Amino acid sequence: MKLLNDFYSIVDETSSDGIYNCKVKMNPQHGLYKVHFPGNPVTPGVCLVQMATEILEHKYDKKFLLSEAVNIKFRKTVGPHDEPSFVFNKVVFEDDQLKTSLNIEDSENQFVKMSLVYQVAD
């Protein structure tokens, strides 16, 4: 299920010195926030991983299948009114794989740090 342009939207993208930064805006009216968790809405971790996947698919115009989540550290919750940036510090293509490490952060907080490995699907 695609989350782009429903659960979140991309508001800015920059690339510099091998770092790809993609700022997103969450949709606080999305039904997911009504159930996860009522009165204290939180973006589910699985949605953050899916968002990272979709952002990479958007950037490279390829389909990726997550094959390994090497390391995921949740440091602070992402709420519906946050506008985090997905900062891809390293993206490496090897054979039919994409390996990346990224931070989800804003100017004040690091929300999540993760390393992911994808198979290129097309």
N, C-alpha and C. Protein backbone atom coordinates (compact mmCIF):
# COMPACT_ATOMS: atom_id res chain seq x y z
N MET A 1 0.84 -1.18 0.00
CA MET A 1 0.00 0.00 0.00
C MET A 1 0.89 1.25 0.00
N LYS A 2 0.67 2.12 -0.94
CA LYS A 2 1.44 3.36 -1.04
C LYS A 2 0.91 4.38 -0.04
N LEU A 3 1.84 5.02 0.62
CA LEU A 3 1.50 6.06 1.59
C LEU A 3 1.70 7.47 1.03
N LEU A 4 2.55 7.57 0.00
CA LEU A 4 2.87 8.86 -0.60
C LEU A 4 1.61 9.53 -1.15
N ASN A 5 1.47 10.81 -0.84
CA ASN A 5 0.35 11.65 -1.26
C ASN A 5 -0.97 11.28 -0.61
N ASP A 6 -0.91 10.49 0.46
CA ASP A 6 -2.09 10.17 1.26
C ASP A 6 -1.73 10.34 2.74
N PHE A 7 -0.80 9.53 3.21
CA PHE A 7 -0.34 9.58 4.59
C PHE A 7 0.69 10.70 4.79
N TYR A 8 1.47 10.96 3.74
CA TYR A 8 2.49 12.01 3.78
C TYR A 8 2.71 12.55 2.39
N SER A 9 3.34 13.71 2.31
CA SER A 9 3.73 14.27 1.02
C SER A 9 5.15 14.80 1.13
N ILE A 10 5.83 14.81 0.00
CA ILE A 10 7.19 15.34 -0.07
C ILE A 10 7.09 16.85 -0.29
N VAL A 11 7.76 17.62 0.58
CA VAL A 11 7.70 19.07 0.46
C VAL A 11 9.01 19.69 -0.01
N ASP A 12 10.13 18.94 0.09
CA ASP A 12 11.41 19.47 -0.36
C ASP A 12 12.40 18.33 -0.53
N GLU A 13 13.28 18.45 -1.52
CA GLU A 13 14.34 17.46 -1.75
C GLU A 13 15.62 18.20 -2.10
N THR A 14 16.73 17.74 -1.52
CA THR A 14 18.04 18.27 -1.88
C THR A 14 19.05 17.13 -1.90
N SER A 15 20.06 17.30 -2.74
CA SER A 15 21.19 16.37 -2.79
C SER A 15 22.47 17.18 -2.78
N SER A 16 23.40 16.76 -1.91
CA SER A 16 24.68 17.46 -1.83
C SER A 16 25.72 16.55 -1.20
N ASP A 17 26.88 16.47 -1.80
CA ASP A 17 27.99 15.69 -1.26
C ASP A 17 27.59 14.26 -0.93
N GLY A 18 26.79 13.64 -1.79
CA GLY A 18 26.40 12.25 -1.58
C GLY A 18 25.30 12.05 -0.56
N ILE A 19 24.74 13.12 -0.03
CA ILE A 19 23.65 13.02 0.95
C ILE A 19 22.37 13.47 0.28
N TYR A 20 21.34 12.64 0.38
CA TYR A 20 20.02 12.96 -0.16
C TYR A 20 19.10 13.27 1.00
N ASN A 21 18.49 14.44 0.99
CA ASN A 21 17.63 14.90 2.07
C ASN A 21 16.23 15.13 1.50
N CYS A 22 15.25 14.48 2.09
CA CYS A 22 13.88 14.58 1.63
C CYS A 22 12.98 14.95 2.81
N LYS A 23 12.47 16.17 2.79
CA LYS A 23 11.59 16.65 3.86
C LYS A 23 10.15 16.27 3.52
N VAL A 24 9.43 15.77 4.51
CA VAL A 24 8.04 15.34 4.30
C VAL A 24 7.11 16.05 5.28
N LYS A 25 5.85 16.07 4.91
CA LYS A 25 4.80 16.59 5.77
C LYS A 25 3.78 15.49 5.97
N MET A 26 3.48 15.21 7.22
CA MET A 26 2.52 14.17 7.54
C MET A 26 1.11 14.71 7.35
N ASN A 27 0.15 13.83 7.12
CA ASN A 27 -1.25 14.20 7.00
C ASN A 27 -1.93 13.91 8.34
N PRO A 28 -2.09 14.92 9.20
CA PRO A 28 -2.64 14.68 10.53
C PRO A 28 -4.10 14.22 10.52
N GLN A 29 -4.78 14.38 9.38
CA GLN A 29 -6.18 13.94 9.26
C GLN A 29 -6.31 12.48 8.84
N HIS A 30 -5.20 11.84 8.54
CA HIS A 30 -5.24 10.45 8.09
C HIS A 30 -5.84 9.56 9.17
N GLY A 31 -6.66 8.61 8.77
CA GLY A 31 -7.36 7.73 9.70
C GLY A 31 -6.45 6.93 10.61
N LEU A 32 -5.23 6.67 10.18
CA LEU A 32 -4.30 5.90 11.00
C LEU A 32 -4.04 6.58 12.34
N TYR A 33 -4.00 7.92 12.31
CA TYR A 33 -3.72 8.64 13.55
C TYR A 33 -4.90 8.60 14.54
N LYS A 34 -6.08 8.24 14.05
CA LYS A 34 -7.22 8.11 14.94
C LYS A 34 -7.17 6.83 15.77
N VAL A 35 -6.43 5.83 15.27
CA VAL A 35 -6.36 4.54 15.96
C VAL A 35 -4.98 4.26 16.57
N HIS A 36 -3.98 5.03 16.18
CA HIS A 36 -2.61 4.76 16.65
C HIS A 36 -1.99 6.02 17.24
N PHE A 37 -2.22 6.47 18.29
CA PHE A 37 -3.08 6.07 19.39
C PHE A 37 -4.04 7.22 19.68
N PRO A 38 -5.32 6.95 19.91
CA PRO A 38 -6.28 8.03 20.15
C PRO A 38 -5.83 8.93 21.31
N GLY A 39 -5.87 10.22 21.05
CA GLY A 39 -5.46 11.19 22.07
C GLY A 39 -3.97 11.46 22.12
N ASN A 40 -3.16 10.56 21.59
CA ASN A 40 -1.71 10.73 21.55
C ASN A 40 -1.18 10.07 20.27
N PRO A 41 -1.52 10.63 19.10
CA PRO A 41 -1.18 9.96 17.84
C PRO A 41 0.33 9.85 17.60
N VAL A 42 0.73 8.68 17.09
CA VAL A 42 2.13 8.37 16.82
C VAL A 42 2.21 7.71 15.44
N THR A 43 3.22 8.06 14.67
CA THR A 43 3.46 7.41 13.38
C THR A 43 4.07 6.04 13.63
N PRO A 44 3.43 4.96 13.16
CA PRO A 44 3.98 3.63 13.37
C PRO A 44 5.35 3.46 12.70
N GLY A 45 6.23 2.73 13.36
CA GLY A 45 7.57 2.49 12.82
C GLY A 45 7.54 1.84 11.45
N VAL A 46 6.62 0.92 11.24
CA VAL A 46 6.53 0.26 9.94
C VAL A 46 6.19 1.26 8.84
N CYS A 47 5.43 2.30 9.17
CA CYS A 47 5.12 3.33 8.19
C CYS A 47 6.36 4.16 7.85
N LEU A 48 7.21 4.40 8.84
CA LEU A 48 8.45 5.14 8.59
C LEU A 48 9.38 4.36 7.66
N VAL A 49 9.45 3.05 7.86
CA VAL A 49 10.26 2.21 6.97
C VAL A 49 9.66 2.22 5.56
N GLN A 50 8.33 2.12 5.46
CA GLN A 50 7.66 2.17 4.16
C GLN A 50 7.89 3.52 3.48
N MET A 51 7.85 4.58 4.26
CA MET A 51 8.10 5.91 3.70
C MET A 51 9.52 6.00 3.14
N ALA A 52 10.51 5.47 3.86
CA ALA A 52 11.89 5.47 3.37
C ALA A 52 11.97 4.73 2.04
N THR A 53 11.27 3.60 1.95
CA THR A 53 11.26 2.81 0.71
C THR A 53 10.66 3.63 -0.43
N GLU A 54 9.51 4.23 -0.18
CA GLU A 54 8.84 5.00 -1.23
C GLU A 54 9.66 6.22 -1.66
N ILE A 55 10.33 6.85 -0.73
CA ILE A 55 11.17 8.01 -1.07
C ILE A 55 12.32 7.56 -1.98
N LEU A 56 12.94 6.43 -1.68
CA LEU A 56 14.00 5.91 -2.56
C LEU A 56 13.44 5.53 -3.92
N GLU A 57 12.27 4.92 -3.96
CA GLU A 57 11.64 4.58 -5.25
C GLU A 57 11.35 5.84 -6.06
N HIS A 58 10.91 6.89 -5.38
CA HIS A 58 10.64 8.17 -6.03
C HIS A 58 11.94 8.76 -6.61
N LYS A 59 12.99 8.74 -5.82
CA LYS A 59 14.26 9.34 -6.26
C LYS A 59 14.88 8.58 -7.43
N TYR A 60 14.91 7.25 -7.36
CA TYR A 60 15.61 6.45 -8.36
C TYR A 60 14.71 5.89 -9.44
N ASP A 61 13.40 6.13 -9.34
CA ASP A 61 12.44 5.63 -10.32
C ASP A 61 12.60 4.12 -10.55
N LYS A 62 12.72 3.40 -9.43
CA LYS A 62 12.84 1.94 -9.44
C LYS A 62 11.95 1.39 -8.34
N LYS A 63 11.65 0.13 -8.43
CA LYS A 63 10.89 -0.57 -7.39
C LYS A 63 11.88 -1.33 -6.52
N PHE A 64 11.75 -1.20 -5.20
CA PHE A 64 12.64 -1.87 -4.25
C PHE A 64 11.84 -2.76 -3.31
N LEU A 65 12.42 -3.90 -2.97
CA LEU A 65 11.84 -4.80 -1.99
C LEU A 65 12.78 -4.88 -0.79
N LEU A 66 12.28 -4.54 0.37
CA LEU A 66 13.11 -4.57 1.57
C LEU A 66 13.51 -6.01 1.86
N SER A 67 14.81 -6.24 1.95
CA SER A 67 15.27 -7.60 2.23
C SER A 67 15.90 -7.72 3.62
N GLU A 68 16.36 -6.57 4.16
CA GLU A 68 17.01 -6.65 5.47
C GLU A 68 16.96 -5.28 6.14
N ALA A 69 16.57 -5.30 7.39
CA ALA A 69 16.67 -4.10 8.24
C ALA A 69 17.78 -4.39 9.23
N VAL A 70 18.97 -3.89 8.92
CA VAL A 70 20.16 -4.23 9.67
C VAL A 70 20.11 -3.63 11.07
N ASN A 71 19.62 -2.43 11.16
CA ASN A 71 19.66 -1.72 12.43
C ASN A 71 18.60 -0.64 12.40
N ILE A 72 17.66 -0.65 13.34
CA ILE A 72 16.67 0.42 13.46
C ILE A 72 16.63 0.85 14.92
N LYS A 73 16.90 2.12 15.15
CA LYS A 73 16.86 2.67 16.51
C LYS A 73 15.85 3.80 16.55
N PHE A 74 14.80 3.61 17.34
CA PHE A 74 13.78 4.63 17.52
C PHE A 74 14.18 5.47 18.72
N ARG A 75 14.43 6.76 18.50
CA ARG A 75 14.90 7.63 19.56
C ARG A 75 13.80 8.56 20.09
N LYS A 76 12.86 8.90 19.23
CA LYS A 76 11.76 9.80 19.61
C LYS A 76 10.61 9.52 18.66
N THR A 77 9.39 9.62 19.16
CA THR A 77 8.23 9.35 18.30
C THR A 77 8.04 10.47 17.28
N VAL A 78 7.50 10.08 16.13
CA VAL A 78 7.13 11.03 15.08
C VAL A 78 5.62 11.19 15.16
N GLY A 79 5.18 12.41 15.32
CA GLY A 79 3.75 12.68 15.42
C GLY A 79 3.19 13.23 14.13
N PRO A 80 1.88 13.40 14.06
CA PRO A 80 1.24 13.85 12.82
C PRO A 80 1.56 15.28 12.44
N HIS A 81 2.04 16.09 13.37
CA HIS A 81 2.35 17.49 13.05
C HIS A 81 3.85 17.73 12.85
N ASP A 82 4.65 16.68 12.98
CA ASP A 82 6.08 16.81 12.69
C ASP A 82 6.30 16.90 11.19
N GLU A 83 7.37 17.55 10.80
CA GLU A 83 7.78 17.61 9.40
C GLU A 83 9.22 17.14 9.31
N PRO A 84 9.40 15.82 9.43
CA PRO A 84 10.77 15.29 9.47
C PRO A 84 11.42 15.24 8.10
N SER A 85 12.74 15.19 8.14
CA SER A 85 13.53 14.96 6.93
C SER A 85 14.10 13.56 6.99
N PHE A 86 14.05 12.88 5.86
CA PHE A 86 14.69 11.59 5.70
C PHE A 86 16.05 11.89 5.07
N VAL A 87 17.10 11.74 5.86
CA VAL A 87 18.44 12.10 5.41
C VAL A 87 19.20 10.80 5.12
N PHE A 88 19.37 10.53 3.84
CA PHE A 88 20.08 9.32 3.40
C PHE A 88 21.56 9.68 3.32
N ASN A 89 22.31 9.25 4.34
CA ASN A 89 23.72 9.57 4.45
C ASN A 89 24.58 8.76 3.50
N LYS A 90 24.09 7.59 3.15
CA LYS A 90 24.86 6.69 2.31
C LYS A 90 23.89 5.85 1.50
N VAL A 91 24.08 5.83 0.20
CA VAL A 91 23.30 4.96 -0.69
C VAL A 91 24.30 4.27 -1.60
N VAL A 92 24.32 2.94 -1.54
CA VAL A 92 25.27 2.16 -2.33
C VAL A 92 24.50 1.12 -3.14
N PHE A 93 24.72 1.09 -4.45
CA PHE A 93 24.19 0.04 -5.30
C PHE A 93 25.28 -1.00 -5.50
N GLU A 94 24.98 -2.26 -5.17
CA GLU A 94 25.90 -3.38 -5.40
C GLU A 94 25.09 -4.52 -5.99
N ASP A 95 25.55 -5.02 -7.11
CA ASP A 95 24.83 -6.09 -7.81
C ASP A 95 23.38 -5.65 -7.99
N ASP A 96 22.43 -6.41 -7.49
CA ASP A 96 21.01 -6.05 -7.58
C ASP A 96 20.48 -5.58 -6.24
N GLN A 97 21.33 -4.94 -5.46
CA GLN A 97 20.93 -4.47 -4.13
C GLN A 97 21.19 -2.97 -3.98
N LEU A 98 20.38 -2.36 -3.14
CA LEU A 98 20.63 -1.00 -2.69
C LEU A 98 20.79 -1.07 -1.18
N LYS A 99 21.88 -0.52 -0.68
CA LYS A 99 22.13 -0.46 0.76
C LYS A 99 22.15 1.01 1.15
N THR A 100 21.48 1.32 2.27
CA THR A 100 21.43 2.70 2.69
C THR A 100 21.43 2.81 4.21
N SER A 101 21.96 3.92 4.68
CA SER A 101 21.82 4.29 6.09
C SER A 101 21.20 5.68 6.09
N LEU A 102 20.28 5.89 7.02
CA LEU A 102 19.57 7.16 7.04
C LEU A 102 19.14 7.54 8.45
N ASN A 103 18.90 8.81 8.60
CA ASN A 103 18.34 9.37 9.82
C ASN A 103 17.02 10.03 9.46
N ILE A 104 16.06 9.91 10.35
CA ILE A 104 14.83 10.68 10.24
C ILE A 104 14.92 11.71 11.35
N GLU A 105 14.90 13.00 10.96
CA GLU A 105 15.20 14.05 11.92
C GLU A 105 14.54 15.36 11.52
N ASP A 106 14.54 16.29 12.44
CA ASP A 106 14.21 17.67 12.11
C ASP A 106 15.32 18.54 12.70
N SER A 107 15.12 19.82 12.74
CA SER A 107 16.21 20.70 13.19
C SER A 107 16.54 20.52 14.67
N GLU A 108 15.64 19.91 15.43
CA GLU A 108 15.86 19.77 16.87
C GLU A 108 16.02 18.33 17.35
N ASN A 109 15.55 17.36 16.59
CA ASN A 109 15.48 15.98 17.07
C ASN A 109 15.95 14.97 16.04
N GLN A 110 16.54 13.90 16.53
CA GLN A 110 16.73 12.72 15.70
C GLN A 110 15.67 11.72 16.15
N PHE A 111 14.76 11.39 15.24
CA PHE A 111 13.66 10.49 15.57
C PHE A 111 14.08 9.02 15.42
N VAL A 112 14.69 8.70 14.29
CA VAL A 112 15.01 7.31 13.98
C VAL A 112 16.34 7.27 13.22
N LYS A 113 17.09 6.23 13.48
CA LYS A 113 18.31 5.94 12.73
C LYS A 113 18.17 4.51 12.23
N MET A 114 18.44 4.27 10.94
CA MET A 114 18.28 2.91 10.41
C MET A 114 19.22 2.63 9.24
N SER A 115 19.50 1.35 9.06
CA SER A 115 20.25 0.85 7.91
C SER A 115 19.39 -0.21 7.25
N LEU A 116 19.17 -0.06 5.95
CA LEU A 116 18.25 -0.94 5.23
C LEU A 116 18.93 -1.48 3.98
N VAL A 117 18.53 -2.69 3.59
CA VAL A 117 19.03 -3.32 2.38
C VAL A 117 17.82 -3.71 1.54
N TYR A 118 17.86 -3.36 0.26
CA TYR A 118 16.76 -3.64 -0.67
C TYR A 118 17.26 -4.47 -1.85
N GLN A 119 16.38 -5.26 -2.39
CA GLN A 119 16.60 -5.90 -3.67
C GLN A 119 15.96 -4.99 -4.73
N VAL A 120 16.64 -4.78 -5.83
CA VAL A 120 16.06 -4.01 -6.93
C VAL A 120 15.08 -4.93 -7.65
N ALA A 121 13.83 -4.48 -7.77
CA ALA A 121 12.78 -5.34 -8.31
C ALA A 121 12.62 -5.22 -9.82
N ASP A 122 13.08 -4.13 -10.42
CA ASP A 122 12.96 -4.02 -11.89
C ASP A 122 14.23 -3.61 -12.55
